[in-house]
């Protein structure tokens, strides 16, 4: 009955959304083709020319940008260990699909856009791809997709699974509906933390089908995109930031955070006139809005793309693909999406660059990682402007302490990365009926 209600309700939602989709298709270049793919009317594409492979087909699905970043190191080792396999990567968002094409095109044989979860569309997609294994990275659970895979006898693996506190509350209340719709078809559910694995077992899933293989975000931090060799051509000089400046980089900020950071910067600037603030809004299209706000605190604040690119001590990043490469140029970082209830963003980008970071109380999407960094002494949690000023002042007054915190952060990434990809490979090989060579096991 629940499945019937779901399958009747989803087309109705799409019909109601149709006027909005049409308007967006008119206004946004390329959106018509995107909707065609989301409706299952257009097939995916091969990112490169290669002969057909004779091995098994492994299909990975990554919802958006964060999941694609997590999937990339796994795709790399799958390509190395299963050279004869056909690798397919799908996404559900335009940003995720763009990153997949740019960062994973050389690793996969086919890129797909996951259609809306209409039963006949999912059935057709699964029969077209005919996968031997389906791997879901982190989230994006769709009942009709999972049901279509199960009907075709395709083994399903959830890897790097997340189960937020808010989702857990709903799942507890609706456990008898949620489990058969979303979880029962998985052969194994590899969660990011033991706590999340315990929550799934509490829903009634057999312990043998739930476990922890390690967090893919740690090896992903060591495998950045774009590759560090090319992106580190960026320099402070290119950005118009003097070598004598102390650079505070605030990455992936949300509305409501920039003003708090700017107020803190203005107070800090009185004691540390060499302190330079680089704000990188999560949504690049907000750069103009953030610039207008920044000029209330520094009239010479500017955009990264501004001609001349000099003057002022506040810079707004309005480009794509540069943020990860800027962390090693900074002295300390702030992780956005954490002062406001947005779930936080990945603090490992700063950590792998040997930089300590601050973040707010809302790190729900990176709960384990943020706790790991705090325990290692590689980060500091703050809740408001006053605590930001106190923490940054401490690190600026004590360069040795700041450097030590950065080293601790980088050491944590290296330590937690060990064995993660091997554990995933062993599980995948088992599901495919294959064996890992001895060098992979080591």
Protein backbone atom coordinates (compact mmCIF):
# COMPACT_ATOMS: atom_id res chain seq x y z
CA UNK A 1 0.00 0.00 0.00
CA UNK A 2 2.83 2.42 0.92
CA UNK A 3 4.60 1.66 -2.35
CA UNK A 4 1.37 2.23 -4.26
CA UNK A 5 0.82 5.60 -2.56
CA UNK A 6 4.44 6.56 -3.31
CA UNK A 7 4.13 5.55 -6.97
CA UNK A 8 0.91 7.52 -7.37
CA UNK A 9 2.20 10.57 -5.53
CA UNK A 10 5.53 11.00 -7.32
CA UNK A 11 4.05 11.54 -10.82
CA UNK A 12 1.58 14.02 -9.33
CA UNK A 13 4.46 15.99 -7.78
CA UNK A 14 6.26 16.06 -11.14
CA UNK A 15 3.09 17.25 -12.91
CA UNK A 16 2.65 20.06 -10.38
CA UNK A 17 6.31 21.02 -10.82
CA UNK A 18 6.09 21.02 -14.62
CA UNK A 19 5.45 24.80 -15.04
CA UNK A 20 8.50 25.59 -12.91
CA UNK A 21 10.61 23.10 -14.89
CA UNK A 22 9.49 24.68 -18.17
CA UNK A 23 10.38 28.19 -16.97
CA UNK A 24 13.77 26.96 -15.80
CA UNK A 25 14.36 25.17 -19.09
CA UNK A 26 13.76 28.47 -20.91
CA UNK A 27 15.99 30.53 -18.64
CA UNK A 28 18.87 28.14 -17.87
CA UNK A 29 21.08 26.98 -20.76
CA UNK A 30 21.28 23.19 -20.99
CA UNK A 31 18.43 22.60 -18.55
CA UNK A 32 16.14 21.09 -21.20
CA UNK A 33 18.61 18.27 -21.85
CA UNK A 34 19.04 17.84 -18.09
CA UNK A 35 15.30 17.40 -17.56
CA UNK A 36 15.24 14.96 -20.47
CA UNK A 37 17.80 12.83 -18.66
CA UNK A 38 15.99 13.14 -15.32
CA UNK A 39 12.80 11.94 -16.98
CA UNK A 40 14.67 9.01 -18.52
CA UNK A 41 14.14 10.25 -22.07
CA UNK A 42 17.87 10.64 -22.83
CA UNK A 43 20.55 8.05 -22.13
CA UNK A 44 23.95 8.68 -20.59
CA UNK A 45 27.22 9.16 -22.43
CA UNK A 46 30.67 7.64 -22.74
CA UNK A 47 33.21 10.24 -21.56
CA UNK A 48 35.96 8.72 -23.69
CA UNK A 49 36.41 6.39 -26.61
CA UNK A 50 37.32 2.86 -25.54
CA UNK A 51 36.59 -0.65 -26.82
CA UNK A 52 33.84 -2.67 -25.12
CA UNK A 53 35.05 -4.48 -22.02
CA UNK A 54 34.48 -8.18 -21.42
CA UNK A 55 34.28 -8.07 -17.64
CA UNK A 56 31.43 -7.38 -15.25
CA UNK A 57 29.57 -4.09 -15.03
CA UNK A 58 29.87 -2.17 -11.75
CA UNK A 59 27.47 0.74 -11.29
CA UNK A 60 28.25 3.42 -8.68
CA UNK A 61 25.72 6.10 -7.84
CA UNK A 62 26.77 9.36 -6.17
CA UNK A 63 24.06 11.91 -5.38
CA UNK A 64 26.01 15.16 -5.83
CA UNK A 65 29.41 16.80 -5.36
CA UNK A 66 30.34 15.44 -1.93
CA UNK A 67 29.41 11.88 -2.83
CA UNK A 68 31.30 12.11 -6.13
CA UNK A 69 34.40 13.25 -4.26
CA UNK A 70 34.06 10.21 -1.96
CA UNK A 71 33.56 7.88 -4.93
CA UNK A 72 36.64 9.01 -6.88
CA UNK A 73 39.37 7.11 -4.96
CA UNK A 74 37.15 4.02 -4.94
CA UNK A 75 36.71 4.27 -8.73
CA UNK A 76 40.46 4.64 -9.09
CA UNK A 77 41.23 1.37 -7.26
CA UNK A 78 38.35 -0.41 -9.00
CA UNK A 79 39.77 0.57 -12.36
CA UNK A 80 43.20 -0.68 -11.30
CA UNK A 81 41.99 -3.95 -9.76
CA UNK A 82 39.25 -4.73 -12.30
CA UNK A 83 40.71 -3.44 -15.60
CA UNK A 84 38.31 -5.58 -17.59
CA UNK A 85 35.20 -4.28 -15.78
CA UNK A 86 32.79 -1.73 -17.20
CA UNK A 87 32.44 1.12 -14.68
CA UNK A 88 29.32 3.31 -14.71
CA UNK A 89 28.92 6.41 -12.53
CA UNK A 90 25.57 8.17 -12.09
CA UNK A 91 24.57 11.41 -10.36
CA UNK A 92 21.33 13.15 -9.39
CA UNK A 93 22.40 16.82 -9.54
CA UNK A 94 23.89 19.03 -12.24
CA UNK A 95 26.81 20.00 -10.00
CA UNK A 96 27.54 16.35 -9.26
CA UNK A 97 27.33 15.40 -12.94
CA UNK A 98 29.68 18.24 -13.92
CA UNK A 99 32.24 17.18 -11.32
CA UNK A 100 31.89 13.53 -12.35
CA UNK A 101 32.61 14.40 -15.98
CA UNK A 102 35.64 16.51 -15.04
CA UNK A 103 37.18 14.34 -12.32
CA UNK A 104 36.06 10.78 -13.11
CA UNK A 105 35.72 10.74 -16.89
CA UNK A 106 39.08 9.01 -17.34
CA UNK A 107 38.14 6.33 -14.79
CA UNK A 108 34.68 5.27 -15.96
CA UNK A 109 33.21 3.90 -19.17
CA UNK A 110 29.84 5.61 -18.89
CA UNK A 111 28.29 8.59 -17.12
CA UNK A 112 24.59 8.54 -16.33
CA UNK A 113 22.09 10.94 -14.82
CA UNK A 114 19.80 9.11 -12.40
CA UNK A 115 16.19 9.67 -13.51
CA UNK A 116 13.31 10.50 -11.22
CA UNK A 117 12.23 7.40 -9.29
CA UNK A 118 9.35 6.46 -11.56
CA UNK A 119 8.89 2.66 -11.55
CA UNK A 120 8.81 2.16 -15.34
CA UNK A 121 11.78 4.48 -15.86
CA UNK A 122 13.92 2.72 -13.25
CA UNK A 123 12.97 -0.69 -14.62
CA UNK A 124 14.07 0.37 -18.10
CA UNK A 125 17.34 1.88 -16.82
CA UNK A 126 18.32 -1.23 -14.86
CA UNK A 127 17.55 -3.49 -17.82
CA UNK A 128 19.55 -1.25 -20.14
CA UNK A 129 22.64 -1.20 -17.92
CA UNK A 130 22.35 -4.82 -16.67
CA UNK A 131 24.80 -4.28 -13.77
CA UNK A 132 26.52 -7.12 -11.94
CA UNK A 133 26.88 -4.94 -8.83
CA UNK A 134 25.27 -1.69 -7.69
CA UNK A 135 27.16 0.51 -5.21
CA UNK A 136 25.38 3.43 -3.58
CA UNK A 137 27.77 6.02 -2.15
CA UNK A 138 26.54 7.61 1.12
CA UNK A 139 22.86 8.37 0.44
CA UNK A 140 20.13 8.94 -2.21
CA UNK A 141 17.93 5.94 -1.45
CA UNK A 142 15.11 5.51 -3.99
CA UNK A 143 12.56 2.70 -3.49
CA UNK A 144 11.82 1.98 -7.15
CA UNK A 145 15.48 1.92 -8.11
CA UNK A 146 16.27 -0.53 -5.31
CA UNK A 147 13.23 -2.66 -6.17
CA UNK A 148 14.15 -2.80 -9.87
CA UNK A 149 17.68 -3.88 -9.01
CA UNK A 150 16.39 -6.55 -6.62
CA UNK A 151 13.97 -7.93 -9.23
CA UNK A 152 16.87 -8.33 -11.66
CA UNK A 153 18.94 -10.10 -8.98
CA UNK A 154 21.60 -7.36 -8.77
CA UNK A 155 23.62 -7.36 -5.51
CA UNK A 156 23.44 -3.96 -3.80
CA UNK A 157 26.11 -2.42 -1.56
CA UNK A 158 25.72 0.78 0.45
CA UNK A 159 29.12 2.27 1.08
CA UNK A 160 30.12 5.21 3.29
CA UNK A 161 26.53 5.25 4.49
CA UNK A 162 25.21 8.12 6.60
CA UNK A 163 22.21 8.22 8.90
CA UNK A 164 21.62 11.65 10.40
CA UNK A 165 19.93 12.17 13.74
CA UNK A 166 16.86 13.71 12.07
CA UNK A 167 16.55 10.81 9.61
CA UNK A 168 17.01 8.34 12.44
CA UNK A 169 14.08 9.83 14.33
CA UNK A 170 11.81 9.33 11.31
CA UNK A 171 13.12 5.85 10.63
CA UNK A 172 12.43 4.82 14.23
CA UNK A 173 8.81 5.90 13.94
CA UNK A 174 8.32 4.27 10.54
CA UNK A 175 10.71 1.33 10.88
CA UNK A 176 8.25 -1.26 9.54
CA UNK A 177 7.83 0.82 6.37
CA UNK A 178 11.35 2.19 5.98
CA UNK A 179 13.26 -1.05 6.29
CA UNK A 180 11.55 -2.97 3.45
CA UNK A 181 11.43 0.10 1.21
CA UNK A 182 15.00 1.31 1.67
CA UNK A 183 17.30 -1.21 3.32
CA UNK A 184 16.22 -4.84 2.96
CA UNK A 185 17.49 -5.20 -0.61
CA UNK A 186 21.13 -4.41 0.31
CA UNK A 187 23.50 -7.34 0.66
CA UNK A 188 25.71 -5.20 2.91
CA UNK A 189 25.44 -1.72 4.39
CA UNK A 190 28.82 -0.17 5.16
CA UNK A 191 28.26 2.83 7.41
CA UNK A 192 30.70 5.63 8.23
CA UNK A 193 30.53 5.10 12.00
CA UNK A 194 29.72 2.39 14.49
CA UNK A 195 26.93 4.54 15.87
CA UNK A 196 25.20 4.65 12.49
CA UNK A 197 25.67 0.91 12.02
CA UNK A 198 24.09 0.32 15.44
CA UNK A 199 21.10 2.43 14.41
CA UNK A 200 20.50 0.25 11.36
CA UNK A 201 20.75 -2.90 13.44
CA UNK A 202 18.19 -1.36 15.79
CA UNK A 203 15.80 -1.19 12.82
CA UNK A 204 15.98 -4.98 12.71
CA UNK A 205 18.63 -5.49 10.04
CA UNK A 206 20.78 -8.60 10.66
CA UNK A 207 24.17 -7.69 12.20
CA UNK A 208 25.98 -9.73 9.53
CA UNK A 209 24.69 -7.31 6.86
CA UNK A 210 25.74 -4.08 8.61
CA UNK A 211 29.24 -2.89 9.45
CA UNK A 212 31.95 -0.22 9.15
CA UNK A 213 34.60 -0.34 6.42
CA UNK A 214 36.10 3.08 7.13
CA UNK A 215 35.24 6.54 5.85
CA UNK A 216 36.00 7.11 2.15
CA UNK A 217 36.30 10.85 2.78
CA UNK A 218 39.74 10.31 4.33
CA UNK A 219 41.38 8.75 1.25
CA UNK A 220 39.39 11.22 -0.89
CA UNK A 221 41.13 14.08 0.93
CA UNK A 222 44.47 12.63 -0.20
CA UNK A 223 43.20 12.40 -3.80
CA UNK A 224 42.02 15.97 -4.44
CA UNK A 225 40.43 17.33 -7.57
CA UNK A 226 41.83 19.13 -9.44
CA UNK A 227 45.17 17.32 -8.84
CA UNK A 228 47.42 19.32 -6.55
CA UNK A 229 50.24 19.40 -9.11
CA UNK A 230 48.20 21.65 -11.40
CA UNK A 231 46.13 23.68 -8.95
CA UNK A 232 49.01 24.76 -6.75
CA UNK A 233 50.10 27.03 -9.57
CA UNK A 234 47.88 29.41 -7.63
CA UNK A 235 49.93 31.70 -5.48
CA UNK A 236 49.37 34.54 -3.09
CA UNK A 237 50.95 36.86 -5.61
CA UNK A 238 48.44 35.81 -8.27
CA UNK A 239 45.63 36.57 -5.81
CA UNK A 240 47.11 39.91 -4.79
CA UNK A 241 47.82 38.75 -1.23
CA UNK A 242 51.17 39.95 0.06
CA UNK A 243 53.69 37.46 1.40
CA UNK A 244 53.66 39.31 4.71
CA UNK A 245 49.93 38.68 5.24
CA UNK A 246 48.33 36.13 7.51
CA UNK A 247 45.65 34.47 5.37
CA UNK A 248 42.40 33.32 7.01
CA UNK A 249 40.37 31.27 4.53
CA UNK A 250 36.65 30.78 5.17
CA UNK A 251 35.48 28.02 2.82
CA UNK A 252 31.95 27.10 1.67
CA UNK A 253 30.22 29.81 3.68
CA UNK A 254 26.44 30.25 3.80
CA UNK A 255 24.20 33.28 4.19
CA UNK A 256 24.28 34.38 7.81
CA UNK A 257 27.91 33.35 8.31
CA UNK A 258 29.80 35.93 6.27
CA UNK A 259 28.68 38.86 8.41
CA UNK A 260 29.74 37.08 11.61
CA UNK A 261 33.14 36.34 10.07
CA UNK A 262 33.55 39.90 8.80
CA UNK A 263 32.72 41.36 12.23
CA UNK A 264 35.25 38.99 13.78
CA UNK A 265 37.86 39.91 11.15
CA UNK A 266 37.40 43.64 11.80
CA UNK A 267 37.98 43.11 15.54
CA UNK A 268 40.99 40.88 14.92
CA UNK A 269 42.41 43.35 12.42
CA UNK A 270 43.02 45.89 15.19
CA UNK A 271 45.61 43.60 16.81
CA UNK A 272 46.70 41.85 13.60
CA UNK A 273 46.70 44.44 10.79
CA UNK A 274 48.35 41.89 8.50
CA UNK A 275 45.32 39.54 8.72
CA UNK A 276 43.76 38.95 5.29
CA UNK A 277 40.32 37.32 4.94
CA UNK A 278 39.35 35.20 1.93
CA UNK A 279 35.64 34.34 1.80
CA UNK A 280 34.53 31.49 -0.46
CA UNK A 281 30.72 31.32 -0.56
CA UNK A 282 29.31 27.82 -1.06
CA UNK A 283 27.22 29.10 -3.97
CA UNK A 284 29.39 31.12 -6.32
CA UNK A 285 26.38 33.06 -7.57
CA UNK A 286 26.23 34.72 -4.12
CA UNK A 287 29.64 36.33 -4.65
CA UNK A 288 28.19 39.73 -5.59
CA UNK A 289 25.94 39.76 -2.53
CA UNK A 290 28.87 38.80 -0.28
CA UNK A 291 31.06 41.50 -1.88
CA UNK A 292 28.45 44.15 -1.13
CA UNK A 293 28.39 43.01 2.49
CA UNK A 294 32.21 42.85 2.73
CA UNK A 295 32.59 46.44 1.54
CA UNK A 296 30.83 47.62 4.68
CA UNK A 297 33.88 46.34 6.57
CA UNK A 298 36.59 46.88 3.97
CA UNK A 299 35.68 49.41 1.22
CA UNK A 300 38.40 47.93 -1.00
CA UNK A 301 37.12 44.36 -0.74
CA UNK A 302 37.16 42.69 -4.17
CA UNK A 303 36.27 39.63 -6.20
CA UNK A 304 38.80 37.03 -7.28
CA UNK A 305 37.87 37.78 -10.89
CA UNK A 306 38.23 41.57 -10.56
CA UNK A 307 40.65 43.20 -13.07
CA UNK A 308 43.96 44.04 -11.45
CA UNK A 309 43.07 41.85 -8.46
CA UNK A 310 44.91 44.05 -5.95
CA UNK A 311 43.99 46.21 -2.98
CA UNK A 312 42.00 45.62 0.16
CA UNK A 313 42.31 42.85 2.71
CA UNK A 314 39.10 40.97 2.01
CA UNK A 315 38.83 38.81 -1.11
CA UNK A 316 35.69 36.99 -2.34
CA UNK A 317 36.24 33.78 -4.30
CA UNK A 318 33.89 33.79 -7.30
CA UNK A 319 35.44 30.93 -9.28
CA UNK A 320 34.84 27.19 -9.43
CA UNK A 321 37.39 24.49 -8.63
CA UNK A 322 40.00 26.61 -6.80
CA UNK A 323 39.01 26.31 -3.14
CA UNK A 324 40.86 23.05 -2.34
CA UNK A 325 44.08 24.45 -3.81
CA UNK A 326 43.83 27.60 -1.69
CA UNK A 327 43.92 25.87 1.71
CA UNK A 328 47.71 25.20 1.56
CA UNK A 329 48.20 28.93 0.86
CA UNK A 330 46.33 29.89 4.04
CA UNK A 331 47.46 30.06 7.66
CA UNK A 332 44.18 28.88 9.17
CA UNK A 333 40.69 28.04 7.97
CA UNK A 334 37.02 28.26 8.81
CA UNK A 335 34.61 25.55 7.61
CA UNK A 336 31.31 27.00 6.41
CA UNK A 337 27.80 25.69 6.80
CA UNK A 338 28.50 25.18 10.49
CA UNK A 339 27.45 28.42 12.20
CA UNK A 340 24.02 28.03 10.58
CA UNK A 341 22.07 24.75 10.55
CA UNK A 342 23.33 23.54 7.16
CA UNK A 343 25.11 20.37 8.34
CA UNK A 344 28.63 21.70 7.79
CA UNK A 345 31.12 20.99 5.02
CA UNK A 346 34.21 18.84 4.73
CA UNK A 347 36.98 20.01 7.11
CA UNK A 348 39.49 17.55 5.64
CA UNK A 349 40.34 19.87 2.73
CA UNK A 350 42.07 22.17 5.21
CA UNK A 351 43.45 19.28 7.28
CA UNK A 352 45.21 17.58 4.39
CA UNK A 353 46.88 20.92 3.62
CA UNK A 354 48.30 20.90 7.18
CA UNK A 355 46.07 23.77 8.27
CA UNK A 356 44.02 23.95 11.48
CA UNK A 357 40.37 24.88 11.16
CA UNK A 358 37.49 26.40 13.05
CA UNK A 359 33.91 25.27 12.63
CA UNK A 360 30.60 25.97 14.29
CA UNK A 361 28.21 23.69 16.19
CA UNK A 362 26.34 22.42 13.09
CA UNK A 363 28.62 19.71 11.71
CA UNK A 364 25.99 16.97 11.52
CA UNK A 365 27.01 15.84 8.02
CA UNK A 366 30.62 15.43 9.19
CA UNK A 367 30.01 14.46 12.80
CA UNK A 368 32.65 11.72 13.04
CA UNK A 369 35.30 13.69 11.15
CA UNK A 370 34.77 16.85 13.20
CA UNK A 371 35.00 14.89 16.46
CA UNK A 372 38.16 13.18 15.20
CA UNK A 373 39.77 16.53 14.41
CA UNK A 374 38.80 18.01 17.77
CA UNK A 375 40.18 14.98 19.62
CA UNK A 376 43.44 15.19 17.62
CA UNK A 377 43.82 18.90 18.40
CA UNK A 378 43.63 19.83 14.71
CA UNK A 379 40.49 21.97 14.96
CA UNK A 380 38.49 24.18 17.29
CA UNK A 381 34.70 24.38 17.60
CA UNK A 382 33.14 27.81 18.08
CA UNK A 383 29.55 28.95 18.40
CA UNK A 384 29.60 32.72 17.82
CA UNK A 385 31.66 35.80 16.98
CA UNK A 386 33.16 36.04 20.47
CA UNK A 387 34.47 32.48 20.41
CA UNK A 388 35.79 32.93 16.85
CA UNK A 389 37.79 35.99 17.90
CA UNK A 390 39.18 34.17 20.95
CA UNK A 391 40.23 31.06 18.99
CA UNK A 392 41.78 32.95 16.07
CA UNK A 393 43.62 35.29 18.44
CA UNK A 394 45.18 32.32 20.22
CA UNK A 395 46.42 30.77 16.98
CA UNK A 396 47.71 34.07 15.60
CA UNK A 397 49.59 34.90 18.79
CA UNK A 398 51.10 31.40 18.94
CA UNK A 399 52.44 30.40 15.49
CA UNK A 400 54.03 27.25 16.92
CA UNK A 401 50.69 26.10 18.36
CA UNK A 402 48.98 26.87 15.06
CA UNK A 403 51.53 24.86 13.10
CA UNK A 404 51.30 21.95 15.56
CA UNK A 405 47.50 21.89 15.19
CA UNK A 406 47.89 21.77 11.40
CA UNK A 407 50.32 18.85 11.65
CA UNK A 408 47.93 16.98 13.92
CA UNK A 409 45.13 17.49 11.42
CA UNK A 410 47.24 16.18 8.53
CA UNK A 411 48.44 13.21 10.61
CA UNK A 412 44.82 12.28 11.35
CA UNK A 413 43.98 12.17 7.63
CA UNK A 414 46.97 9.94 6.89
CA UNK A 415 46.16 7.59 9.78
CA UNK A 416 42.44 7.25 9.12
CA UNK A 417 43.00 6.65 5.39
CA UNK A 418 44.97 3.45 5.91
CA UNK A 419 43.13 0.31 4.95
CA UNK A 420 39.86 2.01 3.95
CA UNK A 421 40.09 1.32 0.23
CA UNK A 422 41.38 -2.22 0.77
CA UNK A 423 38.42 -3.01 3.06
CA UNK A 424 36.01 -1.75 0.39
CA UNK A 425 37.80 -3.67 -2.35
CA UNK A 426 37.62 -6.89 -0.35
CA UNK A 427 33.86 -6.49 0.10
CA UNK A 428 33.33 -5.65 -3.59
CA UNK A 429 35.48 -8.59 -4.71
CA UNK A 430 33.47 -10.88 -2.46
CA UNK A 431 30.17 -9.69 -3.95
CA UNK A 432 31.56 -10.16 -7.47
CA UNK A 433 32.92 -13.61 -6.67
CA UNK A 434 36.49 -12.44 -7.26
CA UNK A 435 39.70 -12.41 -5.21
CA UNK A 436 42.06 -9.58 -4.37
CA UNK A 437 45.69 -10.07 -5.44
CA UNK A 438 48.15 -10.24 -2.57
CA UNK A 439 49.49 -6.72 -3.22
CA UNK A 440 46.00 -5.26 -2.74
CA UNK A 441 45.55 -7.16 0.52
CA UNK A 442 48.74 -5.67 1.82
